[in-house]
Amino acid sequence: MKSGIHPEYTTTEVVCSCGSTFTTRSTAKGGEIRVETCSACHPFYTGKQRVLDTAGRVAKFQAKYAKVNAAKKK
C-alpha cells in the first residue's frame, strides 16, 4: 500500500443497544461503534419480533423541528 494515504485500520469494539459486544477492525475513530441492532437481536437472525424505540426518535425529531417551525411562524 502507498504510505500516507490510507486511514488507520484499528481494532474497534462494537456495542449494541441489547448489550451484546464484539470486536472487529475498522477505520472509525474512537475505538467504539454503537449500533441499535446486531446479529444477536435482529429479527432476521433471531426469528423473534422486536419493537424498536421509534416513538423516542419521532419525539426527538418533532422537538428538533418545532423550533424551526415556530421561527417560521413569527
PDB file of N, CA and C in Angstrom:
ATOM      1  N   MET A   1       0.839  -1.184   0.000  1.00  0.00           N
ATOM      2  CA  MET A   1       0.000   0.000   0.000  1.00  0.00           C
ATOM      3  C   MET A   1       0.880   1.242   0.000  1.00  0.00           C
ATOM      4  N   LYS A   2       0.375   2.274  -0.594  1.00  0.00           N
ATOM      5  CA  LYS A   2       1.069   3.549  -0.620  1.00  0.00           C
ATOM      6  C   LYS A   2       0.981   4.183   0.775  1.00  0.00           C
ATOM      7  N   SER A   3       2.092   4.627   1.298  1.00  0.00           N
ATOM      8  CA  SER A   3       2.082   5.176   2.655  1.00  0.00           C
ATOM      9  C   SER A   3       1.531   6.594   2.679  1.00  0.00           C
ATOM     10  N   GLY A   4       0.809   6.909   3.773  1.00  0.00           N
ATOM     11  CA  GLY A   4       0.318   8.257   3.992  1.00  0.00           C
ATOM     12  C   GLY A   4      -1.034   8.583   3.393  1.00  0.00           C
ATOM     13  N   ILE A   5      -1.654   7.669   2.618  1.00  0.00           N
ATOM     14  CA  ILE A   5      -2.946   7.997   2.003  1.00  0.00           C
ATOM     15  C   ILE A   5      -4.104   7.177   2.555  1.00  0.00           C
ATOM     16  N   HIS A   6      -3.802   6.127   3.288  1.00  0.00           N
ATOM     17  CA  HIS A   6      -4.852   5.253   3.802  1.00  0.00           C
ATOM     18  C   HIS A   6      -5.147   5.572   5.267  1.00  0.00           C
ATOM     19  N   PRO A   7      -6.431   5.514   5.675  1.00  0.00           N
ATOM     20  CA  PRO A   7      -6.751   5.750   7.089  1.00  0.00           C
ATOM     21  C   PRO A   7      -6.239   4.603   7.950  1.00  0.00           C
ATOM     22  N   GLU A   8      -6.012   4.901   9.210  1.00  0.00           N
ATOM     23  CA  GLU A   8      -5.513   3.887  10.132  1.00  0.00           C
ATOM     24  C   GLU A   8      -6.600   2.850  10.402  1.00  0.00           C
ATOM     25  N   TYR A   9      -6.252   1.586  10.319  1.00  0.00           N
ATOM     26  CA  TYR A   9      -7.174   0.465  10.473  1.00  0.00           C
ATOM     27  C   TYR A   9      -6.896  -0.171  11.824  1.00  0.00           C
ATOM     28  N   THR A  10      -7.773   0.076  12.811  1.00  0.00           N
ATOM     29  CA  THR A  10      -7.509  -0.357  14.180  1.00  0.00           C
ATOM     30  C   THR A  10      -8.597  -1.293  14.695  1.00  0.00           C
ATOM     31  N   THR A  11      -8.312  -1.931  15.820  1.00  0.00           N
ATOM     32  CA  THR A  11      -9.287  -2.781  16.494  1.00  0.00           C
ATOM     33  C   THR A  11     -10.361  -1.896  17.113  1.00  0.00           C
ATOM     34  N   THR A  12     -11.623  -2.255  16.874  1.00  0.00           N
ATOM     35  CA  THR A  12     -12.752  -1.460  17.337  1.00  0.00           C
ATOM     36  C   THR A  12     -13.771  -2.365  18.007  1.00  0.00           C
ATOM     37  N   GLU A  13     -14.343  -1.902  19.111  1.00  0.00           N
ATOM     38  CA  GLU A  13     -15.383  -2.657  19.801  1.00  0.00           C
ATOM     39  C   GLU A  13     -16.746  -2.135  19.358  1.00  0.00           C
ATOM     40  N   VAL A  14     -17.628  -3.050  18.946  1.00  0.00           N
ATOM     41  CA  VAL A  14     -18.982  -2.700  18.538  1.00  0.00           C
ATOM     42  C   VAL A  14     -19.908  -3.032  19.699  1.00  0.00           C
ATOM     43  N   VAL A  15     -20.698  -2.026  20.140  1.00  0.00           N
ATOM     44  CA  VAL A  15     -21.602  -2.182  21.274  1.00  0.00           C
ATOM     45  C   VAL A  15     -23.026  -2.007  20.771  1.00  0.00           C
ATOM     46  N   CYS A  16     -23.869  -3.011  20.981  1.00  0.00           N
ATOM     47  CA  CYS A  16     -25.268  -2.970  20.557  1.00  0.00           C
ATOM     48  C   CYS A  16     -26.140  -2.478  21.711  1.00  0.00           C
ATOM     49  N   SER A  17     -27.309  -1.949  21.372  1.00  0.00           N
ATOM     50  CA  SER A  17     -28.233  -1.478  22.406  1.00  0.00           C
ATOM     51  C   SER A  17     -28.773  -2.625  23.256  1.00  0.00           C
ATOM     52  N   CYS A  18     -28.689  -3.861  22.755  1.00  0.00           N
ATOM     53  CA  CYS A  18     -29.147  -5.018  23.532  1.00  0.00           C
ATOM     54  C   CYS A  18     -28.111  -5.453  24.567  1.00  0.00           C
ATOM     55  N   GLY A  19     -26.913  -4.870  24.510  1.00  0.00           N
ATOM     56  CA  GLY A  19     -25.871  -5.214  25.466  1.00  0.00           C
ATOM     57  C   GLY A  19     -24.790  -6.110  24.895  1.00  0.00           C
ATOM     58  N   SER A  20     -25.007  -6.638  23.720  1.00  0.00           N
ATOM     59  CA  SER A  20     -24.037  -7.507  23.079  1.00  0.00           C
ATOM     60  C   SER A  20     -22.852  -6.692  22.567  1.00  0.00           C
ATOM     61  N   THR A  21     -21.650  -7.232  22.709  1.00  0.00           N
ATOM     62  CA  THR A  21     -20.456  -6.558  22.196  1.00  0.00           C
ATOM     63  C   THR A  21     -19.615  -7.556  21.419  1.00  0.00           C
ATOM     64  N   PHE A  22     -18.904  -7.058  20.425  1.00  0.00           N
ATOM     65  CA  PHE A  22     -17.929  -7.870  19.716  1.00  0.00           C
ATOM     66  C   PHE A  22     -16.836  -6.961  19.180  1.00  0.00           C
ATOM     67  N   THR A  23     -15.713  -7.558  18.862  1.00  0.00           N
ATOM     68  CA  THR A  23     -14.559  -6.804  18.400  1.00  0.00           C
ATOM     69  C   THR A  23     -14.355  -7.050  16.919  1.00  0.00           C
ATOM     70  N   THR A  24     -14.047  -5.985  16.209  1.00  0.00           N
ATOM     71  CA  THR A  24     -13.760  -6.053  14.782  1.00  0.00           C
ATOM     72  C   THR A  24     -12.672  -5.035  14.482  1.00  0.00           C
ATOM     73  N   ARG A  25     -12.337  -4.890  13.228  1.00  0.00           N
ATOM     74  CA  ARG A  25     -11.369  -3.871  12.827  1.00  0.00           C
ATOM     75  C   ARG A  25     -12.080  -2.856  11.957  1.00  0.00           C
ATOM     76  N   SER A  26     -11.730  -1.581  12.130  1.00  0.00           N
ATOM     77  CA  SER A  26     -12.418  -0.518  11.415  1.00  0.00           C
ATOM     78  C   SER A  26     -11.522   0.709  11.301  1.00  0.00           C
ATOM     79  N   THR A  27     -11.910   1.619  10.406  1.00  0.00           N
ATOM     80  CA  THR A  27     -11.214   2.899  10.289  1.00  0.00           C
ATOM     81  C   THR A  27     -11.891   3.974  11.129  1.00  0.00           C
ATOM     82  N   ALA A  28     -12.968   3.619  11.844  1.00  0.00           N
ATOM     83  CA  ALA A  28     -13.688   4.575  12.694  1.00  0.00           C
ATOM     84  C   ALA A  28     -12.792   5.031  13.840  1.00  0.00           C
ATOM     85  N   LYS A  29     -12.854   6.297  14.135  1.00  0.00           N
ATOM     86  CA  LYS A  29     -12.036   6.851  15.215  1.00  0.00           C
ATOM     87  C   LYS A  29     -12.754   6.664  16.555  1.00  0.00           C
ATOM     88  N   GLY A  30     -12.006   6.547  17.620  1.00  0.00           N
ATOM     89  CA  GLY A  30     -12.576   6.438  18.951  1.00  0.00           C
ATOM     90  C   GLY A  30     -12.530   5.038  19.524  1.00  0.00           C
ATOM     91  N   GLY A  31     -12.379   4.021  18.701  1.00  0.00           N
ATOM     92  CA  GLY A  31     -12.269   2.661  19.197  1.00  0.00           C
ATOM     93  C   GLY A  31     -13.575   2.011  19.597  1.00  0.00           C
ATOM     94  N   GLU A  32     -14.715   2.698  19.392  1.00  0.00           N
ATOM     95  CA  GLU A  32     -16.009   2.121  19.750  1.00  0.00           C
ATOM     96  C   GLU A  32     -17.072   2.589  18.761  1.00  0.00           C
ATOM     97  N   ILE A  33     -17.921   1.648  18.355  1.00  0.00           N
ATOM     98  CA  ILE A  33     -19.051   1.944  17.479  1.00  0.00           C
ATOM     99  C   ILE A  33     -20.305   1.477  18.202  1.00  0.00           C
ATOM    100  N   ARG A  34     -21.308   2.351  18.325  1.00  0.00           N
ATOM    101  CA  ARG A  34     -22.582   1.992  18.959  1.00  0.00           C
ATOM    102  C   ARG A  34     -23.619   1.751  17.873  1.00  0.00           C
ATOM    103  N   VAL A  35     -24.321   0.601  17.951  1.00  0.00           N
ATOM    104  CA  VAL A  35     -25.348   0.247  16.976  1.00  0.00           C
ATOM    105  C   VAL A  35     -26.651  -0.070  17.697  1.00  0.00           C
ATOM    106  N   GLU A  36     -27.775   0.030  16.971  1.00  0.00           N
ATOM    107  CA  GLU A  36     -29.084  -0.258  17.559  1.00  0.00           C
ATOM    108  C   GLU A  36     -29.443  -1.734  17.458  1.00  0.00           C
ATOM    109  N   THR A  37     -29.040  -2.391  16.390  1.00  0.00           N
ATOM    110  CA  THR A  37     -29.326  -3.815  16.226  1.00  0.00           C
ATOM    111  C   THR A  37     -28.072  -4.537  15.760  1.00  0.00           C
ATOM    112  N   CYS A  38     -27.962  -5.790  16.160  1.00  0.00           N
ATOM    113  CA  CYS A  38     -26.841  -6.626  15.736  1.00  0.00           C
ATOM    114  C   CYS A  38     -27.388  -8.017  15.428  1.00  0.00           C
ATOM    115  N   SER A  39     -26.528  -8.939  15.087  1.00  0.00           N
ATOM    116  CA  SER A  39     -26.984 -10.284  14.749  1.00  0.00           C
ATOM    117  C   SER A  39     -27.554 -11.017  15.957  1.00  0.00           C
ATOM    118  N   ALA A  40     -27.239 -10.574  17.172  1.00  0.00           N
ATOM    119  CA  ALA A  40     -27.765 -11.218  18.377  1.00  0.00           C
ATOM    120  C   ALA A  40     -29.208 -10.821  18.666  1.00  0.00           C
ATOM    121  N   CYS A  41     -29.659  -9.660  18.139  1.00  0.00           N
ATOM    122  CA  CYS A  41     -31.011  -9.204  18.459  1.00  0.00           C
ATOM    123  C   CYS A  41     -31.845  -8.850  17.227  1.00  0.00           C
ATOM    124  N   HIS A  42     -31.280  -8.919  16.029  1.00  0.00           N
ATOM    125  CA  HIS A  42     -32.032  -8.576  14.823  1.00  0.00           C
ATOM    126  C   HIS A  42     -33.062  -9.669  14.528  1.00  0.00           C
ATOM    127  N   PRO A  43     -34.310  -9.282  14.212  1.00  0.00           N
ATOM    128  CA  PRO A  43     -35.369 -10.268  13.969  1.00  0.00           C
ATOM    129  C   PRO A  43     -35.046 -11.269  12.857  1.00  0.00           C
ATOM    130  N   PHE A  44     -34.298 -10.871  11.859  1.00  0.00           N
ATOM    131  CA  PHE A  44     -33.952 -11.793  10.771  1.00  0.00           C
ATOM    132  C   PHE A  44     -33.129 -12.967  11.286  1.00  0.00           C
ATOM    133  N   TYR A  45     -32.195 -12.702  12.198  1.00  0.00           N
ATOM    134  CA  TYR A  45     -31.313 -13.741  12.713  1.00  0.00           C
ATOM    135  C   TYR A  45     -31.916 -14.499  13.883  1.00  0.00           C
ATOM    136  N   THR A  46     -32.753 -13.842  14.699  1.00  0.00           N
ATOM    137  CA  THR A  46     -33.301 -14.491  15.888  1.00  0.00           C
ATOM    138  C   THR A  46     -34.641 -15.161  15.637  1.00  0.00           C
ATOM    139  N   GLY A  47     -35.379 -14.701  14.626  1.00  0.00           N
ATOM    140  CA  GLY A  47     -36.701 -15.244  14.357  1.00  0.00           C
ATOM    141  C   GLY A  47     -37.767 -14.673  15.276  1.00  0.00           C
ATOM    142  N   LYS A  48     -37.420 -13.675  16.085  1.00  0.00           N
ATOM    143  CA  LYS A  48     -38.359 -13.051  17.014  1.00  0.00           C
ATOM    144  C   LYS A  48     -38.576 -11.602  16.615  1.00  0.00           C
ATOM    145  N   GLN A  49     -39.774 -11.097  16.885  1.00  0.00           N
ATOM    146  CA  GLN A  49     -40.064  -9.690  16.621  1.00  0.00           C
ATOM    147  C   GLN A  49     -39.540  -8.847  17.776  1.00  0.00           C
ATOM    148  N   ARG A  50     -39.119  -7.628  17.462  1.00  0.00           N
ATOM    149  CA  ARG A  50     -38.621  -6.717  18.484  1.00  0.00           C
ATOM    150  C   ARG A  50     -39.126  -5.325  18.145  1.00  0.00           C
ATOM    151  N   VAL A  51     -39.654  -4.635  19.125  1.00  0.00           N
ATOM    152  CA  VAL A  51     -40.158  -3.286  18.916  1.00  0.00           C
ATOM    153  C   VAL A  51     -38.996  -2.319  19.113  1.00  0.00           C
ATOM    154  N   LEU A  52     -38.701  -1.538  18.078  1.00  0.00           N
ATOM    155  CA  LEU A  52     -37.645  -0.542  18.181  1.00  0.00           C
ATOM    156  C   LEU A  52     -38.197   0.719  18.820  1.00  0.00           C
ATOM    157  N   ASP A  53     -37.348   1.531  19.345  1.00  0.00           N
ATOM    158  CA  ASP A  53     -37.752   2.772  20.012  1.00  0.00           C
ATOM    159  C   ASP A  53     -38.033   3.856  18.974  1.00  0.00           C
ATOM    160  N   THR A  54     -39.073   3.649  18.161  1.00  0.00           N
ATOM    161  CA  THR A  54     -39.400   4.640  17.138  1.00  0.00           C
ATOM    162  C   THR A  54     -40.093   5.843  17.753  1.00  0.00           C
ATOM    163  N   ALA A  55     -40.825   5.645  18.828  1.00  0.00           N
ATOM    164  CA  ALA A  55     -41.522   6.764  19.469  1.00  0.00           C
ATOM    165  C   ALA A  55     -40.517   7.778  20.001  1.00  0.00           C
ATOM    166  N   GLY A  56     -39.451   7.322  20.589  1.00  0.00           N
ATOM    167  CA  GLY A  56     -38.422   8.223  21.095  1.00  0.00           C
ATOM    168  C   GLY A  56     -37.754   9.005  19.984  1.00  0.00           C
ATOM    169  N   ARG A  57     -37.521   8.346  18.859  1.00  0.00           N
ATOM    170  CA  ARG A  57     -36.898   9.023  17.727  1.00  0.00           C
ATOM    171  C   ARG A  57     -37.837  10.042  17.109  1.00  0.00           C
ATOM    172  N   VAL A  58     -39.126   9.703  17.034  1.00  0.00           N
ATOM    173  CA  VAL A  58     -40.111  10.633  16.473  1.00  0.00           C
ATOM    174  C   VAL A  58     -40.235  11.858  17.365  1.00  0.00           C
ATOM    175  N   ALA A  59     -40.302  11.657  18.672  1.00  0.00           N
ATOM    176  CA  ALA A  59     -40.408  12.776  19.610  1.00  0.00           C
ATOM    177  C   ALA A  59     -39.177  13.680  19.523  1.00  0.00           C
ATOM    178  N   LYS A  60     -38.013  13.093  19.381  1.00  0.00           N
ATOM    179  CA  LYS A  60     -36.786  13.868  19.250  1.00  0.00           C
ATOM    180  C   LYS A  60     -36.810  14.698  17.964  1.00  0.00           C
ATOM    181  N   PHE A  61     -37.285  14.097  16.870  1.00  0.00           N
ATOM    182  CA  PHE A  61     -37.392  14.802  15.592  1.00  0.00           C
ATOM    183  C   PHE A  61     -38.369  15.965  15.696  1.00  0.00           C
ATOM    184  N   GLN A  62     -39.532  15.717  16.300  1.00  0.00           N
ATOM    185  CA  GLN A  62     -40.541  16.770  16.428  1.00  0.00           C
ATOM    186  C   GLN A  62     -40.042  17.911  17.308  1.00  0.00           C
ATOM    187  N   ALA A  63     -39.356  17.596  18.380  1.00  0.00           N
ATOM    188  CA  ALA A  63     -38.819  18.636  19.256  1.00  0.00           C
ATOM    189  C   ALA A  63     -37.760  19.462  18.531  1.00  0.00           C
ATOM    190  N   LYS A  64     -36.966  18.800  17.719  1.00  0.00           N
ATOM    191  CA  LYS A  64     -35.911  19.491  16.980  1.00  0.00           C
ATOM    192  C   LYS A  64     -36.494  20.475  15.976  1.00  0.00           C
ATOM    193  N   TYR A  65     -37.522  20.048  15.243  1.00  0.00           N
ATOM    194  CA  TYR A  65     -38.082  20.890  14.199  1.00  0.00           C
ATOM    195  C   TYR A  65     -39.229  21.777  14.669  1.00  0.00           C
ATOM    196  N   ALA A  66     -39.659  21.636  15.921  1.00  0.00           N
ATOM    197  CA  ALA A  66     -40.669  22.543  16.473  1.00  0.00           C
ATOM    198  C   ALA A  66     -40.088  23.947  16.576  1.00  0.00           C
ATOM    199  N   LYS A  67     -38.810  24.039  16.901  1.00  0.00           N
ATOM    200  CA  LYS A  67     -38.141  25.335  16.991  1.00  0.00           C
ATOM    201  C   LYS A  67     -38.080  26.002  15.618  1.00  0.00           C
ATOM    202  N   VAL A  68     -37.822  25.226  14.583  1.00  0.00           N
ATOM    203  CA  VAL A  68     -37.733  25.766  13.222  1.00  0.00           C
ATOM    204  C   VAL A  68     -39.097  26.262  12.764  1.00  0.00           C
ATOM    205  N   ASN A  69     -40.137  25.478  13.016  1.00  0.00           N
ATOM    206  CA  ASN A  69     -41.493  25.870  12.620  1.00  0.00           C
ATOM    207  C   ASN A  69     -41.967  27.095  13.395  1.00  0.00           C
ATOM    208  N   ALA A  70     -41.620  27.195  14.670  1.00  0.00           N
ATOM    209  CA  ALA A  70     -42.004  28.357  15.479  1.00  0.00           C
ATOM    210  C   ALA A  70     -41.315  29.620  14.957  1.00  0.00           C
ATOM    211  N   ALA A  71     -40.088  29.487  14.522  1.00  0.00           N
ATOM    212  CA  ALA A  71     -39.353  30.637  13.988  1.00  0.00           C
ATOM    213  C   ALA A  71     -39.945  31.090  12.653  1.00  0.00           C
ATOM    214  N   LYS A  72     -40.428  30.155  11.849  1.00  0.00           N
ATOM    215  CA  LYS A  72     -41.027  30.490  10.555  1.00  0.00           C
ATOM    216  C   LYS A  72     -42.363  31.209  10.727  1.00  0.00           C
ATOM    217  N   LYS A  73     -43.115  30.863  11.786  1.00  0.00           N
ATOM    218  CA  LYS A  73     -44.432  31.459  12.012  1.00  0.00           C
ATOM    219  C   LYS A  73     -44.332  32.902  12.486  1.00  0.00           C
ATOM    220  N   LYS A  74     -43.217  33.292  13.052  1.00  0.00           N
ATOM    221  CA  LYS A  74     -43.052  34.661  13.578  1.00  0.00           C
ATOM    222  C   LYS A  74     -42.848  35.658  12.496  1.00  0.00           C
TER     223      LYS A  74
END
